[in-house]
Amino acid sequence: MNDKHILKFFIGLITLQLIVKVIKNIIKDERPISKRTYGMPSTRSAFIFYIITYFMINFKLYNATKLLLLLGALISVYAKYYMREHTFNQLLVGAMIGSFYSYTISMFM
């Protein structure tokens, strides 16, 4: 990983957090269990899928490594669903936003 990749990766993470926060305050979708913050889209899901998508696009990984990354991401996201902190749709939208944003950062920055 060179300096360009590290800078691009962290700029993407920081801006993703801002994007997700803005979307949450626009949609204002409640979580299954009442909390002080909104649930749509899931920040954790967006972050995890941003990270694994970034790694899969920018680095030559073995298929087994890609599978392990995806499995780890799915387990982490499922934990949020299991603990009723997010709905399936909140997690799915977060994953889609994170993956799409990572793709966009990787291809156009």
PDB file of N, CA and C in Angstrom:
ATOM      1  N   MET A   1       0.860  -1.169   0.000  1.00  0.00           N
ATOM      2  CA  MET A   1       0.000   0.000   0.000  1.00  0.00           C
ATOM      3  C   MET A   1       0.905   1.230   0.000  1.00  0.00           C
ATOM      4  N   ASN A   2       0.768   2.069  -1.008  1.00  0.00           N
ATOM      5  CA  ASN A   2       1.591   3.272  -1.067  1.00  0.00           C
ATOM      6  C   ASN A   2       0.828   4.473  -0.493  1.00  0.00           C
ATOM      7  N   ASP A   3       1.520   5.611  -0.432  1.00  0.00           N
ATOM      8  CA  ASP A   3       0.928   6.808   0.178  1.00  0.00           C
ATOM      9  C   ASP A   3      -0.361   7.242  -0.521  1.00  0.00           C
ATOM     10  N   LYS A   4      -0.402   7.108  -1.831  1.00  0.00           N
ATOM     11  CA  LYS A   4      -1.591   7.510  -2.589  1.00  0.00           C
ATOM     12  C   LYS A   4      -2.802   6.677  -2.161  1.00  0.00           C
ATOM     13  N   HIS A   5      -2.611   5.363  -2.037  1.00  0.00           N
ATOM     14  CA  HIS A   5      -3.708   4.491  -1.614  1.00  0.00           C
ATOM     15  C   HIS A   5      -4.165   4.811  -0.193  1.00  0.00           C
ATOM     16  N   ILE A   6      -3.219   5.055   0.689  1.00  0.00           N
ATOM     17  CA  ILE A   6      -3.565   5.354   2.084  1.00  0.00           C
ATOM     18  C   ILE A   6      -4.352   6.661   2.174  1.00  0.00           C
ATOM     19  N   LEU A   7      -3.891   7.679   1.484  1.00  0.00           N
ATOM     20  CA  LEU A   7      -4.573   8.968   1.488  1.00  0.00           C
ATOM     21  C   LEU A   7      -5.971   8.850   0.894  1.00  0.00           C
ATOM     22  N   LYS A   8      -6.071   8.196  -0.240  1.00  0.00           N
ATOM     23  CA  LYS A   8      -7.366   8.007  -0.894  1.00  0.00           C
ATOM     24  C   LYS A   8      -8.317   7.213   0.006  1.00  0.00           C
ATOM     25  N   PHE A   9      -7.799   6.178   0.641  1.00  0.00           N
ATOM     26  CA  PHE A   9      -8.597   5.328   1.524  1.00  0.00           C
ATOM     27  C   PHE A   9      -9.175   6.140   2.687  1.00  0.00           C
ATOM     28  N   PHE A  10      -8.341   6.913   3.372  1.00  0.00           N
ATOM     29  CA  PHE A  10      -8.810   7.654   4.538  1.00  0.00           C
ATOM     30  C   PHE A  10      -9.664   8.862   4.180  1.00  0.00           C
ATOM     31  N   ILE A  11      -9.374   9.513   3.081  1.00  0.00           N
ATOM     32  CA  ILE A  11     -10.249  10.602   2.632  1.00  0.00           C
ATOM     33  C   ILE A  11     -11.636  10.036   2.329  1.00  0.00           C
ATOM     34  N   GLY A  12     -11.664   8.866   1.704  1.00  0.00           N
ATOM     35  CA  GLY A  12     -12.934   8.209   1.420  1.00  0.00           C
ATOM     36  C   GLY A  12     -13.695   7.863   2.688  1.00  0.00           C
ATOM     37  N   LEU A  13     -13.013   7.330   3.696  1.00  0.00           N
ATOM     38  CA  LEU A  13     -13.684   6.980   4.956  1.00  0.00           C
ATOM     39  C   LEU A  13     -14.257   8.210   5.653  1.00  0.00           C
ATOM     40  N   ILE A  14     -13.484   9.269   5.687  1.00  0.00           N
ATOM     41  CA  ILE A  14     -13.937  10.491   6.360  1.00  0.00           C
ATOM     42  C   ILE A  14     -15.134  11.092   5.641  1.00  0.00           C
ATOM     43  N   THR A  15     -15.051  11.191   4.327  1.00  0.00           N
ATOM     44  CA  THR A  15     -16.176  11.770   3.582  1.00  0.00           C
ATOM     45  C   THR A  15     -17.392  10.843   3.605  1.00  0.00           C
ATOM     46  N   LEU A  16     -17.161   9.536   3.646  1.00  0.00           N
ATOM     47  CA  LEU A  16     -18.282   8.592   3.752  1.00  0.00           C
ATOM     48  C   LEU A  16     -19.044   8.815   5.051  1.00  0.00           C
ATOM     49  N   GLN A  17     -18.329   9.050   6.141  1.00  0.00           N
ATOM     50  CA  GLN A  17     -18.998   9.289   7.417  1.00  0.00           C
ATOM     51  C   GLN A  17     -19.891  10.526   7.329  1.00  0.00           C
ATOM     52  N   LEU A  18     -19.403  11.573   6.689  1.00  0.00           N
ATOM     53  CA  LEU A  18     -20.205  12.787   6.532  1.00  0.00           C
ATOM     54  C   LEU A  18     -21.433  12.531   5.655  1.00  0.00           C
ATOM     55  N   ILE A  19     -21.241  11.793   4.572  1.00  0.00           N
ATOM     56  CA  ILE A  19     -22.351  11.483   3.661  1.00  0.00           C
ATOM     57  C   ILE A  19     -23.428  10.689   4.378  1.00  0.00           C
ATOM     58  N   VAL A  20     -23.019   9.657   5.122  1.00  0.00           N
ATOM     59  CA  VAL A  20     -23.989   8.815   5.836  1.00  0.00           C
ATOM     60  C   VAL A  20     -24.739   9.643   6.881  1.00  0.00           C
ATOM     61  N   LYS A  21     -24.030  10.511   7.586  1.00  0.00           N
ATOM     62  CA  LYS A  21     -24.672  11.344   8.609  1.00  0.00           C
ATOM     63  C   LYS A  21     -25.722  12.263   7.985  1.00  0.00           C
ATOM     64  N   VAL A  22     -25.407  12.855   6.842  1.00  0.00           N
ATOM     65  CA  VAL A  22     -26.355  13.726   6.153  1.00  0.00           C
ATOM     66  C   VAL A  22     -27.583  12.925   5.709  1.00  0.00           C
ATOM     67  N   ILE A  23     -27.353  11.751   5.129  1.00  0.00           N
ATOM     68  CA  ILE A  23     -28.468  10.911   4.671  1.00  0.00           C
ATOM     69  C   ILE A  23     -29.348  10.505   5.844  1.00  0.00           C
ATOM     70  N   LYS A  24     -28.735  10.131   6.972  1.00  0.00           N
ATOM     71  CA  LYS A  24     -29.520   9.755   8.156  1.00  0.00           C
ATOM     72  C   LYS A  24     -30.439  10.888   8.586  1.00  0.00           C
ATOM     73  N   ASN A  25     -29.917  12.119   8.581  1.00  0.00           N
ATOM     74  CA  ASN A  25     -30.723  13.253   9.020  1.00  0.00           C
ATOM     75  C   ASN A  25     -31.773  13.671   8.005  1.00  0.00           C
ATOM     76  N   ILE A  26     -31.625  13.242   6.774  1.00  0.00           N
ATOM     77  CA  ILE A  26     -32.662  13.499   5.765  1.00  0.00           C
ATOM     78  C   ILE A  26     -33.763  12.450   5.865  1.00  0.00           C
ATOM     79  N   ILE A  27     -33.382  11.173   5.941  1.00  0.00           N
ATOM     80  CA  ILE A  27     -34.360  10.087   5.946  1.00  0.00           C
ATOM     81  C   ILE A  27     -35.066   9.961   7.300  1.00  0.00           C
ATOM     82  N   LYS A  28     -34.313  10.072   8.394  1.00  0.00           N
ATOM     83  CA  LYS A  28     -34.840  10.006   9.755  1.00  0.00           C
ATOM     84  C   LYS A  28     -35.622   8.714  10.028  1.00  0.00           C
ATOM     85  N   ASP A  29     -35.046   7.596   9.624  1.00  0.00           N
ATOM     86  CA  ASP A  29     -35.655   6.284   9.838  1.00  0.00           C
ATOM     87  C   ASP A  29     -35.214   5.758  11.203  1.00  0.00           C
ATOM     88  N   GLU A  30     -36.185   5.459  12.049  1.00  0.00           N
ATOM     89  CA  GLU A  30     -35.893   4.994  13.405  1.00  0.00           C
ATOM     90  C   GLU A  30     -35.269   3.609  13.396  1.00  0.00           C
ATOM     91  N   ARG A  31     -34.500   3.320  14.431  1.00  0.00           N
ATOM     92  CA  ARG A  31     -33.931   1.987  14.634  1.00  0.00           C
ATOM     93  C   ARG A  31     -34.994   1.083  15.263  1.00  0.00           C
ATOM     94  N   PRO A  32     -34.819  -0.246  15.168  1.00  0.00           N
ATOM     95  CA  PRO A  32     -35.779  -1.154  15.811  1.00  0.00           C
ATOM     96  C   PRO A  32     -35.859  -0.946  17.330  1.00  0.00           C
ATOM     97  N   ILE A  33     -34.718  -0.693  17.954  1.00  0.00           N
ATOM     98  CA  ILE A  33     -34.677  -0.374  19.375  1.00  0.00           C
ATOM     99  C   ILE A  33     -34.351   1.110  19.469  1.00  0.00           C
ATOM    100  N   SER A  34     -35.142   1.834  20.220  1.00  0.00           N
ATOM    101  CA  SER A  34     -35.002   3.282  20.287  1.00  0.00           C
ATOM    102  C   SER A  34     -33.612   3.698  20.773  1.00  0.00           C
ATOM    103  N   LYS A  35     -33.001   4.578  19.980  1.00  0.00           N
ATOM    104  CA  LYS A  35     -31.688   5.148  20.319  1.00  0.00           C
ATOM    105  C   LYS A  35     -31.734   6.631  19.986  1.00  0.00           C
ATOM    106  N   ARG A  36     -30.662   7.331  20.310  1.00  0.00           N
ATOM    107  CA  ARG A  36     -30.599   8.769  20.051  1.00  0.00           C
ATOM    108  C   ARG A  36     -30.323   9.096  18.591  1.00  0.00           C
ATOM    109  N   THR A  37     -29.871   8.123  17.811  1.00  0.00           N
ATOM    110  CA  THR A  37     -29.540   8.380  16.411  1.00  0.00           C
ATOM    111  C   THR A  37     -30.464   7.582  15.500  1.00  0.00           C
ATOM    112  N   TYR A  38     -30.528   8.021  14.260  1.00  0.00           N
ATOM    113  CA  TYR A  38     -31.336   7.321  13.266  1.00  0.00           C
ATOM    114  C   TYR A  38     -30.564   6.125  12.718  1.00  0.00           C
ATOM    115  N   GLY A  39     -31.290   5.205  12.061  1.00  0.00           N
ATOM    116  CA  GLY A  39     -30.677   3.966  11.622  1.00  0.00           C
ATOM    117  C   GLY A  39     -30.415   3.828  10.138  1.00  0.00           C
ATOM    118  N   MET A  40     -31.045   4.667   9.310  1.00  0.00           N
ATOM    119  CA  MET A  40     -30.925   4.496   7.856  1.00  0.00           C
ATOM    120  C   MET A  40     -30.036   5.555   7.275  1.00  0.00           C
ATOM    121  N   PRO A  41     -28.964   5.200   6.624  1.00  0.00           N
ATOM    122  CA  PRO A  41     -28.362   3.878   6.435  1.00  0.00           C
ATOM    123  C   PRO A  41     -27.428   3.541   7.601  1.00  0.00           C
ATOM    124  N   SER A  42     -27.108   2.293   7.739  1.00  0.00           N
ATOM    125  CA  SER A  42     -26.209   1.841   8.793  1.00  0.00           C
ATOM    126  C   SER A  42     -24.786   2.333   8.513  1.00  0.00           C
ATOM    127  N   THR A  43     -24.223   3.052   9.475  1.00  0.00           N
ATOM    128  CA  THR A  43     -22.857   3.550   9.322  1.00  0.00           C
ATOM    129  C   THR A  43     -21.866   2.395   9.326  1.00  0.00           C
ATOM    130  N   ARG A  44     -22.051   1.434  10.228  1.00  0.00           N
ATOM    131  CA  ARG A  44     -21.118   0.307  10.295  1.00  0.00           C
ATOM    132  C   ARG A  44     -21.129  -0.475   8.991  1.00  0.00           C
ATOM    133  N   SER A  45     -22.318  -0.741   8.472  1.00  0.00           N
ATOM    134  CA  SER A  45     -22.430  -1.480   7.221  1.00  0.00           C
ATOM    135  C   SER A  45     -21.753  -0.719   6.084  1.00  0.00           C
ATOM    136  N   ALA A  46     -21.951   0.595   6.028  1.00  0.00           N
ATOM    137  CA  ALA A  46     -21.322   1.405   4.987  1.00  0.00           C
ATOM    138  C   ALA A  46     -19.801   1.351   5.109  1.00  0.00           C
ATOM    139  N   PHE A  47     -19.290   1.481   6.328  1.00  0.00           N
ATOM    140  CA  PHE A  47     -17.839   1.455   6.547  1.00  0.00           C
ATOM    141  C   PHE A  47     -17.237   0.108   6.177  1.00  0.00           C
ATOM    142  N   ILE A  48     -17.845  -0.961   6.656  1.00  0.00           N
ATOM    143  CA  ILE A  48     -17.291  -2.297   6.406  1.00  0.00           C
ATOM    144  C   ILE A  48     -17.271  -2.602   4.916  1.00  0.00           C
ATOM    145  N   PHE A  49     -18.356  -2.295   4.233  1.00  0.00           N
ATOM    146  CA  PHE A  49     -18.401  -2.598   2.806  1.00  0.00           C
ATOM    147  C   PHE A  49     -17.547  -1.629   1.990  1.00  0.00           C
ATOM    148  N   TYR A  50     -17.347  -0.421   2.479  1.00  0.00           N
ATOM    149  CA  TYR A  50     -16.387   0.490   1.844  1.00  0.00           C
ATOM    150  C   TYR A  50     -14.992  -0.131   1.912  1.00  0.00           C
ATOM    151  N   ILE A  51     -14.612  -0.608   3.087  1.00  0.00           N
ATOM    152  CA  ILE A  51     -13.272  -1.152   3.293  1.00  0.00           C
ATOM    153  C   ILE A  51     -13.032  -2.394   2.443  1.00  0.00           C
ATOM    154  N   ILE A  52     -13.957  -3.361   2.484  1.00  0.00           N
ATOM    155  CA  ILE A  52     -13.687  -4.591   1.724  1.00  0.00           C
ATOM    156  C   ILE A  52     -13.744  -4.341   0.221  1.00  0.00           C
ATOM    157  N   THR A  53     -14.624  -3.460  -0.214  1.00  0.00           N
ATOM    158  CA  THR A  53     -14.683  -3.142  -1.639  1.00  0.00           C
ATOM    159  C   THR A  53     -13.401  -2.452  -2.076  1.00  0.00           C
ATOM    160  N   TYR A  54     -12.893  -1.546  -1.256  1.00  0.00           N
ATOM    161  CA  TYR A  54     -11.645  -0.858  -1.573  1.00  0.00           C
ATOM    162  C   TYR A  54     -10.496  -1.854  -1.713  1.00  0.00           C
ATOM    163  N   PHE A  55     -10.390  -2.764  -0.772  1.00  0.00           N
ATOM    164  CA  PHE A  55      -9.323  -3.767  -0.832  1.00  0.00           C
ATOM    165  C   PHE A  55      -9.466  -4.669  -2.052  1.00  0.00           C
ATOM    166  N   MET A  56     -10.674  -5.078  -2.358  1.00  0.00           N
ATOM    167  CA  MET A  56     -10.880  -5.975  -3.495  1.00  0.00           C
ATOM    168  C   MET A  56     -10.580  -5.292  -4.829  1.00  0.00           C
ATOM    169  N   ILE A  57     -10.852  -4.004  -4.928  1.00  0.00           N
ATOM    170  CA  ILE A  57     -10.616  -3.287  -6.177  1.00  0.00           C
ATOM    171  C   ILE A  57      -9.142  -2.924  -6.350  1.00  0.00           C
ATOM    172  N   ASN A  58      -8.512  -2.496  -5.278  1.00  0.00           N
ATOM    173  CA  ASN A  58      -7.174  -1.905  -5.386  1.00  0.00           C
ATOM    174  C   ASN A  58      -6.008  -2.855  -5.164  1.00  0.00           C
ATOM    175  N   PHE A  59      -6.274  -4.061  -4.711  1.00  0.00           N
ATOM    176  CA  PHE A  59      -5.188  -4.992  -4.428  1.00  0.00           C
ATOM    177  C   PHE A  59      -5.496  -6.354  -5.022  1.00  0.00           C
ATOM    178  N   LYS A  60      -4.460  -7.020  -5.483  1.00  0.00           N
ATOM    179  CA  LYS A  60      -4.624  -8.365  -6.021  1.00  0.00           C
ATOM    180  C   LYS A  60      -4.716  -9.331  -4.844  1.00  0.00           C
ATOM    181  N   LEU A  61      -5.915  -9.821  -4.611  1.00  0.00           N
ATOM    182  CA  LEU A  61      -6.157 -10.728  -3.498  1.00  0.00           C
ATOM    183  C   LEU A  61      -6.559 -12.095  -4.037  1.00  0.00           C
ATOM    184  N   TYR A  62      -6.191 -13.119  -3.315  1.00  0.00           N
ATOM    185  CA  TYR A  62      -6.664 -14.458  -3.657  1.00  0.00           C
ATOM    186  C   TYR A  62      -8.168 -14.520  -3.445  1.00  0.00           C
ATOM    187  N   ASN A  63      -8.819 -15.399  -4.188  1.00  0.00           N
ATOM    188  CA  ASN A  63     -10.263 -15.554  -4.023  1.00  0.00           C
ATOM    189  C   ASN A  63     -10.628 -15.960  -2.601  1.00  0.00           C
ATOM    190  N   ALA A  64      -9.794 -16.781  -1.971  1.00  0.00           N
ATOM    191  CA  ALA A  64     -10.046 -17.196  -0.594  1.00  0.00           C
ATOM    192  C   ALA A  64     -10.005 -15.986   0.344  1.00  0.00           C
ATOM    193  N   THR A  65      -9.100 -15.055   0.093  1.00  0.00           N
ATOM    194  CA  THR A  65      -9.012 -13.847   0.915  1.00  0.00           C
ATOM    195  C   THR A  65     -10.251 -12.986   0.724  1.00  0.00           C
ATOM    196  N   LYS A  66     -10.686 -12.851  -0.520  1.00  0.00           N
ATOM    197  CA  LYS A  66     -11.905 -12.091  -0.796  1.00  0.00           C
ATOM    198  C   LYS A  66     -13.105 -12.708  -0.087  1.00  0.00           C
ATOM    199  N   LEU A  67     -13.182 -14.018  -0.130  1.00  0.00           N
ATOM    200  CA  LEU A  67     -14.284 -14.720   0.530  1.00  0.00           C
ATOM    201  C   LEU A  67     -14.249 -14.498   2.041  1.00  0.00           C
ATOM    202  N   LEU A  68     -13.074 -14.542   2.635  1.00  0.00           N
ATOM    203  CA  LEU A  68     -12.947 -14.298   4.073  1.00  0.00           C
ATOM    204  C   LEU A  68     -13.335 -12.864   4.437  1.00  0.00           C
ATOM    205  N   LEU A  69     -12.934 -11.902   3.615  1.00  0.00           N
ATOM    206  CA  LEU A  69     -13.327 -10.517   3.852  1.00  0.00           C
ATOM    207  C   LEU A  69     -14.845 -10.360   3.804  1.00  0.00           C
ATOM    208  N   LEU A  70     -15.448 -10.948   2.798  1.00  0.00           N
ATOM    209  CA  LEU A  70     -16.900 -10.864   2.653  1.00  0.00           C
ATOM    210  C   LEU A  70     -17.615 -11.565   3.802  1.00  0.00           C
ATOM    211  N   LEU A  71     -17.131 -12.728   4.176  1.00  0.00           N
ATOM    212  CA  LEU A  71     -17.734 -13.471   5.287  1.00  0.00           C
ATOM    213  C   LEU A  71     -17.632 -12.672   6.585  1.00  0.00           C
ATOM    214  N   GLY A  72     -16.464 -12.113   6.855  1.00  0.00           N
ATOM    215  CA  GLY A  72     -16.292 -11.287   8.046  1.00  0.00           C
ATOM    216  C   GLY A  72     -17.221 -10.088   8.056  1.00  0.00           C
ATOM    217  N   ALA A  73     -17.376  -9.452   6.902  1.00  0.00           N
ATOM    218  CA  ALA A  73     -18.269  -8.302   6.788  1.00  0.00           C
ATOM    219  C   ALA A  73     -19.715  -8.710   7.052  1.00  0.00           C
ATOM    220  N   LEU A  74     -20.130  -9.819   6.468  1.00  0.00           N
ATOM    221  CA  LEU A  74     -21.508 -10.276   6.657  1.00  0.00           C
ATOM    222  C   LEU A  74     -21.790 -10.645   8.106  1.00  0.00           C
ATOM    223  N   ILE A  75     -20.826 -11.267   8.770  1.00  0.00           N
ATOM    224  CA  ILE A  75     -21.004 -11.621  10.187  1.00  0.00           C
ATOM    225  C   ILE A  75     -21.123 -10.355  11.033  1.00  0.00           C
ATOM    226  N   SER A  76     -20.273  -9.380  10.777  1.00  0.00           N
ATOM    227  CA  SER A  76     -20.306  -8.130  11.529  1.00  0.00           C
ATOM    228  C   SER A  76     -21.626  -7.393  11.326  1.00  0.00           C
ATOM    229  N   VAL A  77     -22.084  -7.356  10.094  1.00  0.00           N
ATOM    230  CA  VAL A  77     -23.343  -6.678   9.793  1.00  0.00           C
ATOM    231  C   VAL A  77     -24.527  -7.454  10.378  1.00  0.00           C
ATOM    232  N   TYR A  78     -24.477  -8.770  10.289  1.00  0.00           N
ATOM    233  CA  TYR A  78     -25.554  -9.583  10.855  1.00  0.00           C
ATOM    234  C   TYR A  78     -25.674  -9.366  12.361  1.00  0.00           C
ATOM    235  N   ALA A  79     -24.564  -9.147  13.039  1.00  0.00           N
ATOM    236  CA  ALA A  79     -24.592  -8.910  14.485  1.00  0.00           C
ATOM    237  C   ALA A  79     -25.454  -7.693  14.813  1.00  0.00           C
ATOM    238  N   LYS A  80     -25.383  -6.663  13.987  1.00  0.00           N
ATOM    239  CA  LYS A  80     -26.216  -5.470  14.197  1.00  0.00           C
ATOM    240  C   LYS A  80     -27.703  -5.795  14.019  1.00  0.00           C
ATOM    241  N   TYR A  81     -27.998  -6.665  13.071  1.00  0.00           N
ATOM    242  CA  TYR A  81     -29.384  -7.094  12.855  1.00  0.00           C
ATOM    243  C   TYR A  81     -29.847  -7.970  14.025  1.00  0.00           C
ATOM    244  N   TYR A  82     -29.007  -8.890  14.436  1.00  0.00           N
ATOM    245  CA  TYR A  82     -29.334  -9.820  15.523  1.00  0.00           C
ATOM    246  C   TYR A  82     -29.590  -9.065  16.829  1.00  0.00           C
ATOM    247  N   MET A  83     -28.808  -8.028  17.092  1.00  0.00           N
ATOM    248  CA  MET A  83     -28.981  -7.240  18.314  1.00  0.00           C
ATOM    249  C   MET A  83     -30.092  -6.196  18.173  1.00  0.00           C
ATOM    250  N   ARG A  84     -30.778  -6.223  17.033  1.00  0.00           N
ATOM    251  CA  ARG A  84     -31.894  -5.337  16.738  1.00  0.00           C
ATOM    252  C   ARG A  84     -31.508  -3.853  16.769  1.00  0.00           C
ATOM    253  N   GLU A  85     -30.267  -3.579  16.386  1.00  0.00           N
ATOM    254  CA  GLU A  85     -29.835  -2.187  16.291  1.00  0.00           C
ATOM    255  C   GLU A  85     -30.161  -1.598  14.926  1.00  0.00           C
ATOM    256  N   HIS A  86     -30.381  -2.462  13.945  1.00  0.00           N
ATOM    257  CA  HIS A  86     -30.733  -2.026  12.592  1.00  0.00           C
ATOM    258  C   HIS A  86     -31.696  -3.021  11.972  1.00  0.00           C
ATOM    259  N   THR A  87     -32.464  -2.518  11.002  1.00  0.00           N
ATOM    260  CA  THR A  87     -33.301  -3.402  10.199  1.00  0.00           C
ATOM    261  C   THR A  87     -32.459  -3.932   9.033  1.00  0.00           C
ATOM    262  N   PHE A  88     -32.987  -4.943   8.374  1.00  0.00           N
ATOM    263  CA  PHE A  88     -32.301  -5.488   7.199  1.00  0.00           C
ATOM    264  C   PHE A  88     -32.099  -4.406   6.149  1.00  0.00           C
ATOM    265  N   ASN A  89     -33.131  -3.603   5.892  1.00  0.00           N
ATOM    266  CA  ASN A  89     -33.035  -2.547   4.874  1.00  0.00           C
ATOM    267  C   ASN A  89     -31.990  -1.503   5.226  1.00  0.00           C
ATOM    268  N   GLN A  90     -31.878  -1.131   6.490  1.00  0.00           N
ATOM    269  CA  GLN A  90     -30.871  -0.161   6.911  1.00  0.00           C
ATOM    270  C   GLN A  90     -29.465  -0.695   6.652  1.00  0.00           C
ATOM    271  N   LEU A  91     -29.264  -1.966   6.943  1.00  0.00           N
ATOM    272  CA  LEU A  91     -27.960  -2.596   6.713  1.00  0.00           C
ATOM    273  C   LEU A  91     -27.662  -2.729   5.227  1.00  0.00           C
ATOM    274  N   LEU A  92     -28.666  -3.116   4.455  1.00  0.00           N
ATOM    275  CA  LEU A  92     -28.488  -3.282   3.018  1.00  0.00           C
ATOM    276  C   LEU A  92     -28.154  -1.955   2.342  1.00  0.00           C
ATOM    277  N   VAL A  93     -28.876  -0.912   2.696  1.00  0.00           N
ATOM    278  CA  VAL A  93     -28.615   0.400   2.101  1.00  0.00           C
ATOM    279  C   VAL A  93     -27.225   0.894   2.502  1.00  0.00           C
ATOM    280  N   GLY A  94     -26.835   0.673   3.750  1.00  0.00           N
ATOM    281  CA  GLY A  94     -25.489   1.044   4.180  1.00  0.00           C
ATOM    282  C   GLY A  94     -24.429   0.321   3.377  1.00  0.00           C
ATOM    283  N   ALA A  95     -24.624  -0.979   3.170  1.00  0.00           N
ATOM    284  CA  ALA A  95     -23.667  -1.775   2.390  1.00  0.00           C
ATOM    285  C   ALA A  95     -23.584  -1.275   0.950  1.00  0.00           C
ATOM    286  N   MET A  96     -24.723  -0.949   0.370  1.00  0.00           N
ATOM    287  CA  MET A  96     -24.737  -0.463  -1.008  1.00  0.00           C
ATOM    288  C   MET A  96     -24.048   0.891  -1.125  1.00  0.00           C
ATOM    289  N   ILE A  97     -24.302   1.784  -0.186  1.00  0.00           N
ATOM    290  CA  ILE A  97     -23.660   3.098  -0.209  1.00  0.00           C
ATOM    291  C   ILE A  97     -22.155   2.953  -0.045  1.00  0.00           C
ATOM    292  N   GLY A  98     -21.729   2.144   0.932  1.00  0.00           N
ATOM    293  CA  GLY A  98     -20.300   1.947   1.170  1.00  0.00           C
ATOM    294  C   GLY A  98     -19.590   1.351  -0.032  1.00  0.00           C
ATOM    295  N   SER A  99     -20.189   0.335  -0.639  1.00  0.00           N
ATOM    296  CA  SER A  99     -19.579  -0.313  -1.802  1.00  0.00           C
ATOM    297  C   SER A  99     -19.519   0.633  -2.998  1.00  0.00           C
ATOM    298  N   PHE A 100     -20.618   1.325  -3.266  1.00  0.00           N
ATOM    299  CA  PHE A 100     -20.663   2.250  -4.401  1.00  0.00           C
ATOM    300  C   PHE A 100     -19.668   3.392  -4.216  1.00  0.00           C
ATOM    301  N   TYR A 101     -19.599   3.934  -3.006  1.00  0.00           N
ATOM    302  CA  TYR A 101     -18.686   5.049  -2.755  1.00  0.00           C
ATOM    303  C   TYR A 101     -17.233   4.596  -2.877  1.00  0.00           C
ATOM    304  N   SER A 102     -16.941   3.403  -2.401  1.00  0.00           N
ATOM    305  CA  SER A 102     -15.595   2.862  -2.518  1.00  0.00           C
ATOM    306  C   SER A 102     -15.215   2.675  -3.983  1.00  0.00           C
ATOM    307  N   TYR A 103     -16.147   2.155  -4.762  1.00  0.00           N
ATOM    308  CA  TYR A 103     -15.924   1.991  -6.201  1.00  0.00           C
ATOM    309  C   TYR A 103     -15.654   3.343  -6.842  1.00  0.00           C
ATOM    310  N   THR A 104     -16.471   4.337  -6.498  1.00  0.00           N
ATOM    311  CA  THR A 104     -16.320   5.678  -7.058  1.00  0.00           C
ATOM    312  C   THR A 104     -14.967   6.286  -6.691  1.00  0.00           C
ATOM    313  N   ILE A 105     -14.594   6.179  -5.419  1.00  0.00           N
ATOM    314  CA  ILE A 105     -13.293   6.702  -4.972  1.00  0.00           C
ATOM    315  C   ILE A 105     -12.154   5.990  -5.703  1.00  0.00           C
ATOM    316  N   SER A 106     -12.262   4.688  -5.824  1.00  0.00           N
ATOM    317  CA  SER A 106     -11.183   3.899  -6.449  1.00  0.00           C
ATOM    318  C   SER A 106     -11.026   4.194  -7.929  1.00  0.00           C
ATOM    319  N   MET A 107     -12.122   4.402  -8.623  1.00  0.00           N
ATOM    320  CA  MET A 107     -12.066   4.579 -10.068  1.00  0.00           C
ATOM    321  C   MET A 107     -11.801   6.018 -10.499  1.00  0.00           C
ATOM    322  N   PHE A 108     -12.268   6.986  -9.740  1.00  0.00           N
ATOM    323  CA  PHE A 108     -12.253   8.359 -10.216  1.00  0.00           C
ATOM    324  C   PHE A 108     -11.400   9.318  -9.400  1.00  0.00           C
ATOM    325  N   MET A 109     -10.718   8.839  -8.392  1.00  0.00           N
ATOM    326  CA  MET A 109      -9.887   9.751  -7.595  1.00  0.00           C
ATOM    327  C   MET A 109      -8.439   9.401  -7.742  1.00  0.00           C
TER     328      MET A 109
END
